[in-house]
């Protein structure tokens, strides 16, 4: 997929603030360990096309579309 290519990821990561990076550094290990984590997450689309945010239903393992974020837009979602 083009959306997860190193080029696409670089386009997003370069816009993260130190605060965003710190939150990611705390959240990713907690999520990988299966720990319950309540936080908000900001998605900023620095690409030329819309991005699609999904969550994984823990019971069915089905991807569920949460949002379509248009180029230049930022959305904040609360998650756990």
N, C-alpha and C. Protein backbone atom coordinates (compact mmCIF):
# COMPACT_ATOMS: atom_id res chain seq x y z
N UNK A 1 0.83 -1.19 0.00
CA UNK A 1 0.00 0.00 0.00
C UNK A 1 0.87 1.24 0.00
N UNK A 2 0.47 2.20 -0.75
CA UNK A 2 1.22 3.46 -0.80
C UNK A 2 1.10 4.24 0.50
N UNK A 3 -0.04 4.10 1.19
CA UNK A 3 -0.29 4.89 2.39
C UNK A 3 0.71 4.58 3.50
N UNK A 4 1.25 3.36 3.53
CA UNK A 4 2.17 2.97 4.59
C UNK A 4 3.61 2.88 4.11
N UNK A 5 3.89 3.44 2.95
CA UNK A 5 5.24 3.40 2.41
C UNK A 5 6.15 4.32 3.24
N UNK A 6 7.45 4.05 3.23
CA UNK A 6 8.38 4.93 3.96
C UNK A 6 8.25 6.40 3.55
N UNK A 7 8.01 6.66 2.27
CA UNK A 7 7.85 8.04 1.81
C UNK A 7 6.64 8.70 2.46
N UNK A 8 5.52 7.97 2.51
CA UNK A 8 4.30 8.53 3.11
C UNK A 8 4.47 8.74 4.61
N UNK A 9 5.08 7.78 5.28
CA UNK A 9 5.30 7.90 6.72
C UNK A 9 6.20 9.10 7.01
N UNK A 10 7.26 9.27 6.23
CA UNK A 10 8.17 10.40 6.43
C UNK A 10 7.43 11.73 6.29
N UNK A 11 6.49 11.80 5.35
CA UNK A 11 5.74 13.04 5.14
C UNK A 11 4.93 13.41 6.37
N UNK A 12 4.50 12.43 7.13
CA UNK A 12 3.70 12.69 8.34
C UNK A 12 4.60 12.94 9.54
N UNK A 13 5.60 12.09 9.72
CA UNK A 13 6.46 12.15 10.91
C UNK A 13 7.18 13.49 11.02
N UNK A 14 7.57 14.07 9.91
CA UNK A 14 8.31 15.33 9.96
C UNK A 14 7.50 16.47 10.57
N UNK A 15 6.17 16.30 10.67
CA UNK A 15 5.32 17.35 11.22
C UNK A 15 4.97 17.12 12.70
N UNK A 16 5.45 16.03 13.27
CA UNK A 16 5.14 15.75 14.68
C UNK A 16 5.93 16.69 15.58
N UNK A 17 5.26 17.16 16.62
CA UNK A 17 5.93 18.00 17.62
C UNK A 17 6.61 17.10 18.64
N UNK A 18 7.52 17.63 19.44
CA UNK A 18 8.12 16.82 20.50
C UNK A 18 7.07 16.23 21.46
N UNK A 19 5.99 16.97 21.69
CA UNK A 19 4.92 16.46 22.54
C UNK A 19 4.26 15.23 21.91
N UNK A 20 3.98 15.30 20.59
CA UNK A 20 3.40 14.16 19.88
C UNK A 20 4.33 12.95 19.96
N UNK A 21 5.60 13.17 19.73
CA UNK A 21 6.57 12.07 19.75
C UNK A 21 6.63 11.44 21.14
N UNK A 22 6.62 12.27 22.18
CA UNK A 22 6.63 11.74 23.55
C UNK A 22 5.41 10.88 23.83
N UNK A 23 4.25 11.33 23.37
CA UNK A 23 3.03 10.54 23.57
C UNK A 23 3.11 9.21 22.84
N UNK A 24 3.64 9.24 21.62
CA UNK A 24 3.80 7.99 20.88
C UNK A 24 4.78 7.04 21.57
N UNK A 25 5.87 7.60 22.10
CA UNK A 25 6.86 6.77 22.78
C UNK A 25 6.29 6.08 24.02
N UNK A 26 5.31 6.69 24.66
CA UNK A 26 4.66 6.07 25.82
C UNK A 26 3.54 5.13 25.39
N UNK A 27 2.82 5.51 24.35
CA UNK A 27 1.64 4.75 23.95
C UNK A 27 1.96 3.45 23.24
N UNK A 28 2.92 3.46 22.34
CA UNK A 28 3.19 2.27 21.53
C UNK A 28 3.59 1.07 22.40
N UNK A 29 4.53 1.20 23.35
CA UNK A 29 4.85 0.03 24.18
C UNK A 29 3.65 -0.45 25.00
N UNK A 30 2.85 0.47 25.53
CA UNK A 30 1.68 0.08 26.32
C UNK A 30 0.70 -0.70 25.45
N UNK A 31 0.47 -0.23 24.25
CA UNK A 31 -0.44 -0.92 23.35
C UNK A 31 0.09 -2.29 22.94
N UNK A 32 1.40 -2.39 22.72
CA UNK A 32 1.98 -3.67 22.33
C UNK A 32 1.91 -4.68 23.46
N UNK A 33 1.91 -4.21 24.70
CA UNK A 33 1.79 -5.10 25.86
C UNK A 33 0.34 -5.43 26.18
N UNK A 34 -0.58 -4.81 25.47
CA UNK A 34 -2.00 -5.06 25.73
C UNK A 34 -2.54 -4.30 26.92
N UNK A 35 -1.81 -3.30 27.37
CA UNK A 35 -2.25 -2.51 28.52
C UNK A 35 -3.38 -1.57 28.10
N UNK A 36 -4.30 -1.35 29.01
CA UNK A 36 -5.40 -0.41 28.77
C UNK A 36 -4.82 1.00 28.79
N UNK A 37 -5.10 1.75 27.78
CA UNK A 37 -4.54 3.09 27.65
C UNK A 37 -5.62 4.02 27.15
N UNK A 38 -5.94 5.03 27.93
CA UNK A 38 -6.93 6.03 27.53
C UNK A 38 -6.19 7.31 27.18
N UNK A 39 -6.38 7.75 25.98
CA UNK A 39 -5.68 8.95 25.52
C UNK A 39 -6.40 9.53 24.32
N UNK A 40 -5.98 10.69 23.92
CA UNK A 40 -6.46 11.23 22.66
C UNK A 40 -5.31 11.18 21.67
N UNK A 41 -5.66 11.07 20.43
CA UNK A 41 -4.65 10.99 19.39
C UNK A 41 -5.04 11.96 18.28
N UNK A 42 -4.04 12.68 17.78
CA UNK A 42 -4.26 13.63 16.70
C UNK A 42 -3.74 13.04 15.40
N UNK A 43 -4.53 13.15 14.36
CA UNK A 43 -4.12 12.72 13.04
C UNK A 43 -4.06 13.96 12.15
N UNK A 44 -2.90 14.21 11.59
CA UNK A 44 -2.74 15.33 10.68
C UNK A 44 -2.37 14.76 9.31
N UNK A 45 -3.15 15.11 8.33
CA UNK A 45 -2.91 14.60 6.99
C UNK A 45 -2.08 15.61 6.19
N UNK A 46 -0.80 15.28 6.01
CA UNK A 46 0.11 16.13 5.23
C UNK A 46 0.27 15.59 3.81
N UNK A 47 -0.56 14.62 3.45
CA UNK A 47 -0.49 14.03 2.12
C UNK A 47 -1.39 14.77 1.14
N UNK A 48 -1.30 14.38 -0.11
CA UNK A 48 -2.11 15.02 -1.16
C UNK A 48 -3.47 14.34 -1.34
N UNK A 49 -3.70 13.27 -0.62
CA UNK A 49 -4.97 12.55 -0.73
C UNK A 49 -5.49 12.23 0.67
N UNK A 50 -6.75 11.88 0.74
CA UNK A 50 -7.36 11.56 2.03
C UNK A 50 -6.72 10.32 2.64
N UNK A 51 -6.70 10.28 3.96
CA UNK A 51 -6.26 9.07 4.67
C UNK A 51 -7.47 8.50 5.40
N UNK A 52 -7.45 7.20 5.59
CA UNK A 52 -8.56 6.50 6.20
C UNK A 52 -8.08 5.90 7.53
N UNK A 53 -8.75 6.28 8.61
CA UNK A 53 -8.40 5.79 9.94
C UNK A 53 -9.37 4.66 10.30
N UNK A 54 -8.81 3.53 10.69
CA UNK A 54 -9.61 2.36 11.08
C UNK A 54 -9.25 1.96 12.51
N UNK A 55 -10.17 1.28 13.17
CA UNK A 55 -9.86 0.60 14.41
C UNK A 55 -10.19 -0.86 14.21
N UNK A 56 -9.57 -1.71 15.01
CA UNK A 56 -9.78 -3.13 14.91
C UNK A 56 -10.74 -3.57 16.00
N UNK A 57 -11.87 -4.13 15.60
CA UNK A 57 -12.84 -4.65 16.56
C UNK A 57 -12.20 -5.84 17.26
N UNK A 58 -12.02 -5.77 18.59
CA UNK A 58 -11.32 -6.85 19.29
C UNK A 58 -12.07 -8.18 19.29
N UNK A 59 -13.37 -8.14 19.12
CA UNK A 59 -14.15 -9.38 19.12
C UNK A 59 -14.16 -10.06 17.76
N UNK A 60 -14.36 -9.28 16.70
CA UNK A 60 -14.49 -9.86 15.36
C UNK A 60 -13.21 -9.77 14.54
N UNK A 61 -12.24 -8.97 15.02
CA UNK A 61 -10.99 -8.71 14.30
C UNK A 61 -11.23 -7.99 12.97
N UNK A 62 -12.40 -7.41 12.83
CA UNK A 62 -12.76 -6.68 11.62
C UNK A 62 -12.30 -5.23 11.73
N UNK A 63 -11.77 -4.69 10.62
CA UNK A 63 -11.42 -3.27 10.58
C UNK A 63 -12.69 -2.45 10.43
N UNK A 64 -12.79 -1.39 11.24
CA UNK A 64 -13.96 -0.52 11.21
C UNK A 64 -13.48 0.89 10.86
N UNK A 65 -14.04 1.48 9.81
CA UNK A 65 -13.65 2.82 9.41
C UNK A 65 -14.11 3.83 10.47
N UNK A 66 -13.17 4.63 10.96
CA UNK A 66 -13.46 5.65 11.97
C UNK A 66 -13.59 7.02 11.31
N UNK A 67 -12.70 7.30 10.36
CA UNK A 67 -12.67 8.65 9.80
C UNK A 67 -11.93 8.67 8.47
N UNK A 68 -12.30 9.61 7.63
CA UNK A 68 -11.54 9.97 6.43
C UNK A 68 -11.03 11.38 6.67
N UNK A 69 -9.73 11.55 6.61
CA UNK A 69 -9.14 12.86 6.88
C UNK A 69 -8.61 13.43 5.57
N UNK A 70 -9.12 14.57 5.22
CA UNK A 70 -8.76 15.21 3.96
C UNK A 70 -7.39 15.88 4.05
N UNK A 71 -6.72 16.09 2.92
CA UNK A 71 -5.41 16.74 2.93
C UNK A 71 -5.43 18.06 3.68
N UNK A 72 -4.44 18.26 4.54
CA UNK A 72 -4.32 19.50 5.30
C UNK A 72 -5.17 19.55 6.55
N UNK A 73 -5.98 18.53 6.80
CA UNK A 73 -6.87 18.53 7.97
C UNK A 73 -6.24 17.80 9.15
N UNK A 74 -6.71 18.16 10.33
CA UNK A 74 -6.30 17.52 11.58
C UNK A 74 -7.56 17.07 12.30
N UNK A 75 -7.53 15.85 12.83
CA UNK A 75 -8.65 15.36 13.63
C UNK A 75 -8.09 14.77 14.92
N UNK A 76 -8.84 14.96 16.00
CA UNK A 76 -8.48 14.40 17.30
C UNK A 76 -9.53 13.37 17.66
N UNK A 77 -9.04 12.19 18.07
CA UNK A 77 -9.93 11.11 18.48
C UNK A 77 -9.52 10.63 19.87
N UNK A 78 -10.50 10.33 20.69
CA UNK A 78 -10.22 9.71 21.99
C UNK A 78 -10.24 8.22 21.79
N UNK A 79 -9.27 7.56 22.39
CA UNK A 79 -9.13 6.13 22.21
C UNK A 79 -8.66 5.49 23.51
N UNK A 80 -8.67 4.19 23.52
CA UNK A 80 -8.10 3.43 24.64
C UNK A 80 -7.47 2.17 24.13
